[in-house]
Amino acid sequence: MSIPDYQTLMLPLLKEVSDGREHSFPSIVDALAAEFKLSEYERRELLPSGGQFVFNNRVGWARTYMKKAGLLSAPKRGVVQITERGLGVLKDKKPVNNKTLRGFPEFVEFQSKSADARESVETTVATEQLDPRENIEEGYQRIRKQLSAELLKQIKECSPQFFERLVLDLLLKMGYGGSRRDLGEVVGKSGDGGVDVEIKEDKLGLDTVYIQAKRWSDGQVGSKEIQSFVGALHGKKARKGVFITTSGFSKPAEEYALKIQDKVVLINGPALADLMIEHGVGVSTDVSYDIKKIDSDYFTEE
């Protein structure tokens, strides 16, 4: 079963606390996970940022929205309790979703303050399927995917000499070698659209990694190229290698890399672009947003 969206969780959450007692948030999460028969894998699924479990996040937003509408209260930290209004909604057997919550002035005021003054409180159906944090993360992922595609296109259009520098810059940012002087030397000819580099795996030089990067616009790297790379790896007396390409790898090439004894990592074009974004090579920050939450410890009175 797929993970229910936060609006689907509203009514089950309200029923879960319908006895009028105080319920801890973790106990509610466990009860709802059992009701929806979620697998352990589904329960451990993370948001794209990796900062929170998807299911916990959705239960949290269902709780927050119903609190803003006055259906739930929080008598103490991490505790949820149903209100008279919440009991009334259950008694009337009304559906519980954002449309229903807008029938309460407190929720309308909350959404009005949360929304941009120039926009309507009403949002699209597609947007409301996701909670606010998921909307932010989904938008971030779309922007990043677009940036990755544009970056890869730019890489393929650059000169062999620039591509060589790009690879070295990325390896340096990833922590190899320690400094540009210590990073290693280019041992291949960049004129063939690629670059070969021998680098120190760490600042102490405990191991050597052999890097081969090919700036290809079309086609895929096949198993023959990987076999040749492994041969070169042995010739350099290196036990580890990384093959980078701006295109992709054929399935036989990927299978060959997995079955050999040597440790060989294959990085295709999209993965290369993602590494550049992650380590800040060839990109700059356009705008950033800090998502803050209430510091409950600050408001705890001794």
C-alpha atoms as a PDB file:
ATOM      1  CA  MET A   1       0.000   0.000   0.000  1.00  0.00           C
ATOM      2  CA  SER A   2       1.261   3.477  -0.833  1.00  0.00           C
ATOM      3  CA  ILE A   3       1.770   6.042   1.907  1.00  0.00           C
ATOM      4  CA  PRO A   4      -1.480   8.041   2.348  1.00  0.00           C
ATOM      5  CA  ASP A   5      -1.354  11.802   1.875  1.00  0.00           C
ATOM      6  CA  TYR A   6      -1.814  14.093   4.858  1.00  0.00           C
ATOM      7  CA  GLN A   7      -5.477  14.859   4.131  1.00  0.00           C
ATOM      8  CA  THR A   8      -6.330  11.153   4.002  1.00  0.00           C
ATOM      9  CA  LEU A   9      -4.758  10.833   7.455  1.00  0.00           C
ATOM     10  CA  MET A  10      -6.915  13.532   9.055  1.00  0.00           C
ATOM     11  CA  LEU A  11     -10.055  11.514   9.779  1.00  0.00           C
ATOM     12  CA  PRO A  12      -8.225   8.366  10.997  1.00  0.00           C
ATOM     13  CA  LEU A  13      -6.096  10.567  13.269  1.00  0.00           C
ATOM     14  CA  LEU A  14      -9.193  12.263  14.678  1.00  0.00           C
ATOM     15  CA  LYS A  15     -10.825   8.865  15.319  1.00  0.00           C
ATOM     16  CA  GLU A  16      -7.638   7.618  16.976  1.00  0.00           C
ATOM     17  CA  VAL A  17      -7.904  10.296  19.679  1.00  0.00           C
ATOM     18  CA  SER A  18     -11.728  10.274  19.910  1.00  0.00           C
ATOM     19  CA  ASP A  19     -11.641   8.868  23.462  1.00  0.00           C
ATOM     20  CA  GLY A  20     -10.821  12.359  24.699  1.00  0.00           C
ATOM     21  CA  ARG A  21      -7.573  11.272  26.359  1.00  0.00           C
ATOM     22  CA  GLU A  22      -4.114  12.682  25.786  1.00  0.00           C
ATOM     23  CA  HIS A  23      -2.152  10.758  23.148  1.00  0.00           C
ATOM     24  CA  SER A  24       1.549  11.022  22.417  1.00  0.00           C
ATOM     25  CA  PHE A  25       2.466  11.796  18.822  1.00  0.00           C
ATOM     26  CA  PRO A  26       4.692   8.671  18.415  1.00  0.00           C
ATOM     27  CA  SER A  27       1.825   6.436  19.569  1.00  0.00           C
ATOM     28  CA  ILE A  28      -0.483   8.051  17.001  1.00  0.00           C
ATOM     29  CA  VAL A  29       2.068   7.507  14.242  1.00  0.00           C
ATOM     30  CA  ASP A  30       2.402   3.824  15.190  1.00  0.00           C
ATOM     31  CA  ALA A  31      -1.366   3.329  15.350  1.00  0.00           C
ATOM     32  CA  LEU A  32      -1.989   4.948  11.958  1.00  0.00           C
ATOM     33  CA  ALA A  33       0.857   2.994  10.355  1.00  0.00           C
ATOM     34  CA  ALA A  34      -0.769  -0.211  11.614  1.00  0.00           C
ATOM     35  CA  GLU A  35      -4.218   0.887  10.396  1.00  0.00           C
ATOM     36  CA  PHE A  36      -2.905   1.549   6.888  1.00  0.00           C
ATOM     37  CA  LYS A  37      -0.822  -1.644   6.995  1.00  0.00           C
ATOM     38  CA  LEU A  38       2.375   0.140   6.029  1.00  0.00           C
ATOM     39  CA  SER A  39       5.477  -1.988   5.573  1.00  0.00           C
ATOM     40  CA  GLU A  40       8.675  -1.225   7.446  1.00  0.00           C
ATOM     41  CA  TYR A  41      10.143   0.008   4.171  1.00  0.00           C
ATOM     42  CA  GLU A  42       7.262   2.466   3.707  1.00  0.00           C
ATOM     43  CA  ARG A  43       7.591   3.652   7.290  1.00  0.00           C
ATOM     44  CA  ARG A  44      11.305   4.329   6.816  1.00  0.00           C
ATOM     45  CA  GLU A  45      10.945   6.131   3.482  1.00  0.00           C
ATOM     46  CA  LEU A  46      12.601   9.534   3.701  1.00  0.00           C
ATOM     47  CA  LEU A  47      11.799  12.884   2.171  1.00  0.00           C
ATOM     48  CA  PRO A  48      14.190  13.838  -0.675  1.00  0.00           C
ATOM     49  CA  SER A  49      16.211  15.950   1.758  1.00  0.00           C
ATOM     50  CA  GLY A  50      16.671  12.910   4.007  1.00  0.00           C
ATOM     51  CA  GLY A  51      15.725  14.950   7.046  1.00  0.00           C
ATOM     52  CA  GLN A  52      12.466  13.252   8.026  1.00  0.00           C
ATOM     53  CA  PHE A  53      10.346  10.171   7.400  1.00  0.00           C
ATOM     54  CA  VAL A  54       7.602  10.808   4.812  1.00  0.00           C
ATOM     55  CA  PHE A  55       4.861   9.154   6.880  1.00  0.00           C
ATOM     56  CA  ASN A  56       5.762  10.949  10.128  1.00  0.00           C
ATOM     57  CA  ASN A  57       5.873  14.223   8.216  1.00  0.00           C
ATOM     58  CA  ARG A  58       2.393  13.696   6.772  1.00  0.00           C
ATOM     59  CA  VAL A  59       0.905  12.704  10.133  1.00  0.00           C
ATOM     60  CA  GLY A  60       2.514  15.830  11.578  1.00  0.00           C
ATOM     61  CA  TRP A  61       0.906  18.094   8.993  1.00  0.00           C
ATOM     62  CA  ALA A  62      -2.498  16.428   9.459  1.00  0.00           C
ATOM     63  CA  ARG A  63      -2.162  17.160  13.191  1.00  0.00           C
ATOM     64  CA  THR A  64      -1.021  20.760  12.599  1.00  0.00           C
ATOM     65  CA  TYR A  65      -3.863  21.591  10.201  1.00  0.00           C
ATOM     66  CA  MET A  66      -6.517  20.157  12.512  1.00  0.00           C
ATOM     67  CA  LYS A  67      -4.999  22.039  15.456  1.00  0.00           C
ATOM     68  CA  LYS A  68      -5.223  25.274  13.472  1.00  0.00           C
ATOM     69  CA  ALA A  69      -8.881  24.494  12.743  1.00  0.00           C
ATOM     70  CA  GLY A  70      -9.573  23.860  16.426  1.00  0.00           C
ATOM     71  CA  LEU A  71     -10.311  20.132  16.085  1.00  0.00           C
ATOM     72  CA  LEU A  72      -7.266  19.156  18.147  1.00  0.00           C
ATOM     73  CA  SER A  73      -5.340  20.722  20.999  1.00  0.00           C
ATOM     74  CA  ALA A  74      -1.838  20.209  22.366  1.00  0.00           C
ATOM     75  CA  PRO A  75      -2.065  20.268  26.184  1.00  0.00           C
ATOM     76  CA  LYS A  76       1.674  19.649  26.448  1.00  0.00           C
ATOM     77  CA  ARG A  77       4.686  19.047  24.252  1.00  0.00           C
ATOM     78  CA  GLY A  78       4.336  16.042  21.921  1.00  0.00           C
ATOM     79  CA  VAL A  79       0.776  15.339  23.080  1.00  0.00           C
ATOM     80  CA  VAL A  80      -2.493  15.543  21.130  1.00  0.00           C
ATOM     81  CA  GLN A  81      -6.052  15.704  22.452  1.00  0.00           C
ATOM     82  CA  ILE A  82      -9.387  16.031  20.649  1.00  0.00           C
ATOM     83  CA  THR A  83     -11.531  19.129  21.290  1.00  0.00           C
ATOM     84  CA  GLU A  84     -15.294  19.544  21.497  1.00  0.00           C
ATOM     85  CA  ARG A  85     -15.213  20.833  17.936  1.00  0.00           C
ATOM     86  CA  GLY A  86     -13.341  17.750  16.828  1.00  0.00           C
ATOM     87  CA  LEU A  87     -15.892  15.493  18.533  1.00  0.00           C
ATOM     88  CA  GLY A  88     -18.637  17.460  16.799  1.00  0.00           C
ATOM     89  CA  VAL A  89     -17.061  16.839  13.389  1.00  0.00           C
ATOM     90  CA  LEU A  90     -16.897  13.111  14.115  1.00  0.00           C
ATOM     91  CA  LYS A  91     -20.502  13.090  15.334  1.00  0.00           C
ATOM     92  CA  ASP A  92     -21.678  14.829  12.155  1.00  0.00           C
ATOM     93  CA  LYS A  93     -19.759  12.230  10.129  1.00  0.00           C
ATOM     94  CA  LYS A  94     -18.260  14.934   7.961  1.00  0.00           C
ATOM     95  CA  PRO A  95     -15.299  14.258   5.680  1.00  0.00           C
ATOM     96  CA  VAL A  96     -12.145  15.788   7.128  1.00  0.00           C
ATOM     97  CA  ASN A  97      -9.929  17.564   4.619  1.00  0.00           C
ATOM     98  CA  ASN A  98      -8.754  21.088   3.849  1.00  0.00           C
ATOM     99  CA  LYS A  99     -12.124  22.002   2.340  1.00  0.00           C
ATOM    100  CA  THR A 100     -13.865  21.031   5.573  1.00  0.00           C
ATOM    101  CA  LEU A 101     -11.288  22.841   7.700  1.00  0.00           C
ATOM    102  CA  ARG A 102     -11.931  26.039   5.756  1.00  0.00           C
ATOM    103  CA  GLY A 103     -15.365  26.052   7.328  1.00  0.00           C
ATOM    104  CA  PHE A 104     -13.677  27.243  10.528  1.00  0.00           C
ATOM    105  CA  PRO A 105     -12.498  30.881  10.694  1.00  0.00           C
ATOM    106  CA  GLU A 106      -9.318  30.041  12.618  1.00  0.00           C
ATOM    107  CA  PHE A 107      -8.103  27.824   9.775  1.00  0.00           C
ATOM    108  CA  VAL A 108      -8.973  30.401   7.112  1.00  0.00           C
ATOM    109  CA  GLU A 109      -6.975  32.979   9.074  1.00  0.00           C
ATOM    110  CA  PHE A 110      -4.065  30.550   9.378  1.00  0.00           C
ATOM    111  CA  GLN A 111      -4.009  29.852   5.639  1.00  0.00           C
ATOM    112  CA  SER A 112      -4.395  33.536   4.825  1.00  0.00           C
ATOM    113  CA  LYS A 113      -1.332  34.363   6.907  1.00  0.00           C
ATOM    114  CA  SER A 114       0.616  31.462   5.391  1.00  0.00           C
ATOM    115  CA  ALA A 115      -0.213  32.358   1.783  1.00  0.00           C
ATOM    116  CA  ASP A 116       1.190  35.235  -0.200  1.00  0.00           C
ATOM    117  CA  ALA A 117      -1.091  38.252   0.104  1.00  0.00           C
ATOM    118  CA  ARG A 118      -1.422  38.398  -3.688  1.00  0.00           C
ATOM    119  CA  GLU A 119      -2.612  34.796  -3.998  1.00  0.00           C
ATOM    120  CA  SER A 120      -5.914  33.198  -3.189  1.00  0.00           C
ATOM    121  CA  VAL A 121      -6.192  30.931  -0.172  1.00  0.00           C
ATOM    122  CA  GLU A 122      -7.592  28.289  -2.513  1.00  0.00           C
ATOM    123  CA  THR A 123      -4.805  26.179  -3.964  1.00  0.00           C
ATOM    124  CA  THR A 124      -4.844  23.676  -6.781  1.00  0.00           C
ATOM    125  CA  VAL A 125      -5.983  20.120  -6.156  1.00  0.00           C
ATOM    126  CA  ALA A 126      -2.600  18.796  -7.267  1.00  0.00           C
ATOM    127  CA  THR A 127      -0.759  21.022  -4.800  1.00  0.00           C
ATOM    128  CA  GLU A 128      -2.990  20.031  -1.918  1.00  0.00           C
ATOM    129  CA  GLN A 129      -2.151  16.361  -2.356  1.00  0.00           C
ATOM    130  CA  LEU A 130       1.220  17.198  -0.818  1.00  0.00           C
ATOM    131  CA  ASP A 131       1.842  18.823   2.520  1.00  0.00           C
ATOM    132  CA  PRO A 132       3.678  22.198   2.545  1.00  0.00           C
ATOM    133  CA  ARG A 133       7.102  20.711   3.204  1.00  0.00           C
ATOM    134  CA  GLU A 134       6.708  18.124   0.448  1.00  0.00           C
ATOM    135  CA  ASN A 135       5.672  20.887  -1.961  1.00  0.00           C
ATOM    136  CA  ILE A 136       8.909  22.717  -1.195  1.00  0.00           C
ATOM    137  CA  GLU A 137      10.982  19.567  -1.608  1.00  0.00           C
ATOM    138  CA  GLU A 138       9.245  18.577  -4.843  1.00  0.00           C
ATOM    139  CA  GLY A 139       9.885  22.042  -6.260  1.00  0.00           C
ATOM    140  CA  TYR A 140      13.520  21.827  -5.184  1.00  0.00           C
ATOM    141  CA  GLN A 141      13.934  18.463  -6.894  1.00  0.00           C
ATOM    142  CA  ARG A 142      12.415  19.817 -10.148  1.00  0.00           C
ATOM    143  CA  ILE A 143      14.787  22.785 -10.105  1.00  0.00           C
ATOM    144  CA  ARG A 144      17.766  20.531  -9.372  1.00  0.00           C
ATOM    145  CA  LYS A 145      16.844  18.096 -12.151  1.00  0.00           C
ATOM    146  CA  GLN A 146      16.602  20.957 -14.627  1.00  0.00           C
ATOM    147  CA  LEU A 147      19.922  22.378 -13.436  1.00  0.00           C
ATOM    148  CA  SER A 148      21.559  18.960 -13.797  1.00  0.00           C
ATOM    149  CA  ALA A 149      20.394  18.684 -17.430  1.00  0.00           C
ATOM    150  CA  GLU A 150      21.597  22.209 -18.264  1.00  0.00           C
ATOM    151  CA  LEU A 151      24.926  21.568 -16.556  1.00  0.00           C
ATOM    152  CA  LEU A 152      25.494  18.350 -18.500  1.00  0.00           C
ATOM    153  CA  LYS A 153      24.728  20.134 -21.760  1.00  0.00           C
ATOM    154  CA  GLN A 154      27.284  22.816 -20.852  1.00  0.00           C
ATOM    155  CA  ILE A 155      29.930  20.180 -20.002  1.00  0.00           C
ATOM    156  CA  LYS A 156      29.511  18.480 -23.396  1.00  0.00           C
ATOM    157  CA  GLU A 157      30.022  21.796 -25.172  1.00  0.00           C
ATOM    158  CA  CYS A 158      33.217  22.779 -23.327  1.00  0.00           C
ATOM    159  CA  SER A 159      36.720  22.265 -24.740  1.00  0.00           C
ATOM    160  CA  PRO A 160      38.826  19.198 -23.837  1.00  0.00           C
ATOM    161  CA  GLN A 161      41.197  21.435 -21.863  1.00  0.00           C
ATOM    162  CA  PHE A 162      38.318  22.923 -19.860  1.00  0.00           C
ATOM    163  CA  PHE A 163      36.885  19.459 -19.234  1.00  0.00           C
ATOM    164  CA  GLU A 164      40.260  18.397 -17.850  1.00  0.00           C
ATOM    165  CA  ARG A 165      40.237  21.313 -15.409  1.00  0.00           C
ATOM    166  CA  LEU A 166      36.625  20.584 -14.476  1.00  0.00           C
ATOM    167  CA  VAL A 167      37.450  16.996 -13.537  1.00  0.00           C
ATOM    168  CA  LEU A 168      40.417  18.097 -11.441  1.00  0.00           C
ATOM    169  CA  ASP A 169      38.339  20.769  -9.690  1.00  0.00           C
ATOM    170  CA  LEU A 170      35.650  18.237  -8.845  1.00  0.00           C
ATOM    171  CA  LEU A 171      38.116  15.684  -7.494  1.00  0.00           C
ATOM    172  CA  LEU A 172      39.723  18.359  -5.358  1.00  0.00           C
ATOM    173  CA  LYS A 173      36.334  19.460  -3.966  1.00  0.00           C
ATOM    174  CA  MET A 174      35.533  15.821  -3.194  1.00  0.00           C
ATOM    175  CA  GLY A 175      38.570  15.644  -0.940  1.00  0.00           C
ATOM    176  CA  TYR A 176      41.067  13.767  -3.087  1.00  0.00           C
ATOM    177  CA  GLY A 177      44.733  14.704  -2.934  1.00  0.00           C
ATOM    178  CA  GLY A 178      44.455  17.568  -0.453  1.00  0.00           C
ATOM    179  CA  SER A 179      45.557  20.399  -2.767  1.00  0.00           C
ATOM    180  CA  ARG A 180      45.842  20.967  -6.489  1.00  0.00           C
ATOM    181  CA  ARG A 181      49.602  20.402  -6.268  1.00  0.00           C
ATOM    182  CA  ASP A 182      49.100  17.128  -4.402  1.00  0.00           C
ATOM    183  CA  LEU A 183      46.117  16.010  -6.416  1.00  0.00           C
ATOM    184  CA  GLY A 184      48.071  14.129  -9.018  1.00  0.00           C
ATOM    185  CA  GLU A 185      49.119  14.559 -12.587  1.00  0.00           C
ATOM    186  CA  VAL A 186      47.268  14.220 -15.817  1.00  0.00           C
ATOM    187  CA  VAL A 187      48.760  11.193 -17.501  1.00  0.00           C
ATOM    188  CA  GLY A 188      46.516  10.970 -20.563  1.00  0.00           C
ATOM    189  CA  LYS A 189      46.087  13.253 -23.541  1.00  0.00           C
ATOM    190  CA  SER A 190      43.111  15.545 -23.302  1.00  0.00           C
ATOM    191  CA  GLY A 191      42.985  15.871 -27.082  1.00  0.00           C
ATOM    192  CA  ASP A 192      41.069  12.601 -27.403  1.00  0.00           C
ATOM    193  CA  GLY A 193      38.125  14.030 -25.502  1.00  0.00           C
ATOM    194  CA  GLY A 194      39.152  12.504 -22.203  1.00  0.00           C
ATOM    195  CA  VAL A 195      41.568  12.751 -19.320  1.00  0.00           C
ATOM    196  CA  ASP A 196      43.444  10.186 -17.246  1.00  0.00           C
ATOM    197  CA  VAL A 197      44.525  11.063 -13.732  1.00  0.00           C
ATOM    198  CA  GLU A 198      46.398   9.270 -10.982  1.00  0.00           C
ATOM    199  CA  ILE A 199      45.408  10.676  -7.607  1.00  0.00           C
ATOM    200  CA  LYS A 200      45.931  10.063  -3.924  1.00  0.00           C
ATOM    201  CA  GLU A 201      42.802   8.712  -2.286  1.00  0.00           C
ATOM    202  CA  ASP A 202      43.455  10.782   0.822  1.00  0.00           C
ATOM    203  CA  LYS A 203      45.816  13.476   2.083  1.00  0.00           C
ATOM    204  CA  LEU A 204      48.249  10.870   3.450  1.00  0.00           C
ATOM    205  CA  GLY A 205      48.479   9.073   0.129  1.00  0.00           C
ATOM    206  CA  LEU A 206      47.669   5.663   1.633  1.00  0.00           C
ATOM    207  CA  ASP A 207      46.206   4.470  -1.651  1.00  0.00           C
ATOM    208  CA  THR A 208      46.122   5.476  -5.305  1.00  0.00           C
ATOM    209  CA  VAL A 209      43.025   5.849  -7.416  1.00  0.00           C
ATOM    210  CA  TYR A 210      43.152   5.846 -11.187  1.00  0.00           C
ATOM    211  CA  ILE A 211      40.621   8.128 -12.890  1.00  0.00           C
ATOM    212  CA  GLN A 212      39.566   8.091 -16.511  1.00  0.00           C
ATOM    213  CA  ALA A 213      37.096  10.678 -17.792  1.00  0.00           C
ATOM    214  CA  LYS A 214      35.614  10.755 -21.289  1.00  0.00           C
ATOM    215  CA  ARG A 215      33.744  13.767 -22.654  1.00  0.00           C
ATOM    216  CA  TRP A 216      31.421  12.016 -25.074  1.00  0.00           C
ATOM    217  CA  SER A 217      28.393  13.696 -26.641  1.00  0.00           C
ATOM    218  CA  ASP A 218      26.863  10.565 -28.132  1.00  0.00           C
ATOM    219  CA  GLY A 219      26.874   6.823 -27.636  1.00  0.00           C
ATOM    220  CA  GLN A 220      27.590   4.737 -24.564  1.00  0.00           C
ATOM    221  CA  VAL A 221      30.759   3.416 -22.992  1.00  0.00           C
ATOM    222  CA  GLY A 222      30.862  -0.313 -23.682  1.00  0.00           C
ATOM    223  CA  SER A 223      32.434  -3.262 -21.903  1.00  0.00           C
ATOM    224  CA  LYS A 224      35.544  -3.088 -24.132  1.00  0.00           C
ATOM    225  CA  GLU A 225      36.357   0.404 -22.841  1.00  0.00           C
ATOM    226  CA  ILE A 226      35.918  -0.762 -19.244  1.00  0.00           C
ATOM    227  CA  GLN A 227      38.136  -3.786 -19.865  1.00  0.00           C
ATOM    228  CA  SER A 228      40.823  -1.497 -21.277  1.00  0.00           C
ATOM    229  CA  PHE A 229      40.419   0.751 -18.253  1.00  0.00           C
ATOM    230  CA  VAL A 230      40.917  -2.190 -15.887  1.00  0.00           C
ATOM    231  CA  GLY A 231      44.053  -3.135 -17.844  1.00  0.00           C
ATOM    232  CA  ALA A 232      45.381   0.396 -17.419  1.00  0.00           C
ATOM    233  CA  LEU A 233      44.471   0.197 -13.739  1.00  0.00           C
ATOM    234  CA  HIS A 234      46.723  -2.834 -13.319  1.00  0.00           C
ATOM    235  CA  GLY A 235      49.474  -1.124 -15.304  1.00  0.00           C
ATOM    236  CA  LYS A 236      49.423   1.759 -12.818  1.00  0.00           C
ATOM    237  CA  LYS A 237      49.458  -0.722  -9.909  1.00  0.00           C
ATOM    238  CA  ALA A 238      46.232   0.830  -8.639  1.00  0.00           C
ATOM    239  CA  ARG A 239      43.532  -1.216  -6.960  1.00  0.00           C
ATOM    240  CA  LYS A 240      40.748   1.293  -7.321  1.00  0.00           C
ATOM    241  CA  GLY A 241      39.439   3.144 -10.337  1.00  0.00           C
ATOM    242  CA  VAL A 242      36.735   5.593 -11.342  1.00  0.00           C
ATOM    243  CA  PHE A 243      35.477   5.879 -14.909  1.00  0.00           C
ATOM    244  CA  ILE A 244      33.634   9.123 -15.618  1.00  0.00           C
ATOM    245  CA  THR A 245      31.719   9.829 -18.794  1.00  0.00           C
ATOM    246  CA  THR A 246      29.402  12.593 -19.938  1.00  0.00           C
ATOM    247  CA  SER A 247      27.280   9.986 -21.746  1.00  0.00           C
ATOM    248  CA  GLY A 248      26.321   6.619 -20.223  1.00  0.00           C
ATOM    249  CA  PHE A 249      27.352   2.984 -19.837  1.00  0.00           C
ATOM    250  CA  SER A 250      25.972  -0.044 -21.633  1.00  0.00           C
ATOM    251  CA  LYS A 251      24.463  -2.801 -19.513  1.00  0.00           C
ATOM    252  CA  PRO A 252      27.353  -5.221 -20.340  1.00  0.00           C
ATOM    253  CA  ALA A 253      29.800  -2.537 -19.173  1.00  0.00           C
ATOM    254  CA  GLU A 254      27.970  -2.126 -15.865  1.00  0.00           C
ATOM    255  CA  GLU A 255      27.770  -5.892 -15.360  1.00  0.00           C
ATOM    256  CA  TYR A 256      31.490  -6.293 -16.088  1.00  0.00           C
ATOM    257  CA  ALA A 257      32.404  -3.602 -13.548  1.00  0.00           C
ATOM    258  CA  LEU A 258      30.339  -5.372 -10.883  1.00  0.00           C
ATOM    259  CA  LYS A 259      31.816  -8.846 -11.346  1.00  0.00           C
ATOM    260  CA  ILE A 260      35.535  -8.022 -11.431  1.00  0.00           C
ATOM    261  CA  GLN A 261      37.668  -8.186  -8.300  1.00  0.00           C
ATOM    262  CA  ASP A 262      38.989  -4.643  -8.657  1.00  0.00           C
ATOM    263  CA  LYS A 263      36.930  -1.795  -7.207  1.00  0.00           C
ATOM    264  CA  VAL A 264      35.719   0.172 -10.233  1.00  0.00           C
ATOM    265  CA  VAL A 265      33.104   2.917  -9.923  1.00  0.00           C
ATOM    266  CA  LEU A 266      31.217   4.090 -13.013  1.00  0.00           C
ATOM    267  CA  ILE A 267      29.892   7.657 -13.104  1.00  0.00           C
ATOM    268  CA  ASN A 268      27.610   8.598 -16.003  1.00  0.00           C
ATOM    269  CA  GLY A 269      26.678  12.082 -17.201  1.00  0.00           C
ATOM    270  CA  PRO A 270      23.731  12.764 -14.858  1.00  0.00           C
ATOM    271  CA  ALA A 271      25.732  11.452 -11.883  1.00  0.00           C
ATOM    272  CA  LEU A 272      28.650  13.722 -12.847  1.00  0.00           C
ATOM    273  CA  ALA A 273      26.328  16.736 -12.978  1.00  0.00           C
ATOM    274  CA  ASP A 274      24.829  15.796  -9.593  1.00  0.00           C
ATOM    275  CA  LEU A 275      28.300  15.566  -8.047  1.00  0.00           C
ATOM    276  CA  MET A 276      29.168  19.004  -9.410  1.00  0.00           C
ATOM    277  CA  ILE A 277      25.974  20.443  -7.889  1.00  0.00           C
ATOM    278  CA  GLU A 278      26.581  18.699  -4.575  1.00  0.00           C
ATOM    279  CA  HIS A 279      30.162  19.954  -4.311  1.00  0.00           C
ATOM    280  CA  GLY A 280      29.578  23.405  -5.806  1.00  0.00           C
ATOM    281  CA  VAL A 281      31.606  23.051  -8.997  1.00  0.00           C
ATOM    282  CA  GLY A 282      30.380  25.159 -11.914  1.00  0.00           C
ATOM    283  CA  VAL A 283      27.292  26.287  -9.983  1.00  0.00           C
ATOM    284  CA  SER A 284      26.472  29.055  -7.531  1.00  0.00           C
ATOM    285  CA  THR A 285      23.681  29.574  -5.017  1.00  0.00           C
ATOM    286  CA  ASP A 286      20.841  31.611  -6.481  1.00  0.00           C
ATOM    287  CA  VAL A 287      18.590  31.809  -3.429  1.00  0.00           C
ATOM    288  CA  SER A 288      18.246  29.833  -0.199  1.00  0.00           C
ATOM    289  CA  TYR A 289      15.449  29.345   2.306  1.00  0.00           C
ATOM    290  CA  ASP A 290      15.804  28.405   5.956  1.00  0.00           C
ATOM    291  CA  ILE A 291      12.865  26.317   7.171  1.00  0.00           C
ATOM    292  CA  LYS A 292      12.494  26.941  10.875  1.00  0.00           C
ATOM    293  CA  LYS A 293      10.303  25.364  13.528  1.00  0.00           C
ATOM    294  CA  ILE A 294       9.306  26.245  17.085  1.00  0.00           C
ATOM    295  CA  ASP A 295      12.031  25.628  19.655  1.00  0.00           C
ATOM    296  CA  SER A 296       9.904  23.909  22.304  1.00  0.00           C
ATOM    297  CA  ASP A 297      12.765  23.899  24.803  1.00  0.00           C
ATOM    298  CA  TYR A 298      12.875  27.699  24.703  1.00  0.00           C
ATOM    299  CA  PHE A 299       9.237  27.967  25.761  1.00  0.00           C
ATOM    300  CA  THR A 300       9.516  25.397  28.565  1.00  0.00           C
ATOM    301  CA  GLU A 301       9.008  27.258  31.836  1.00  0.00           C
ATOM    302  CA  GLU A 302      10.910  26.013  34.864  1.00  0.00           C
END
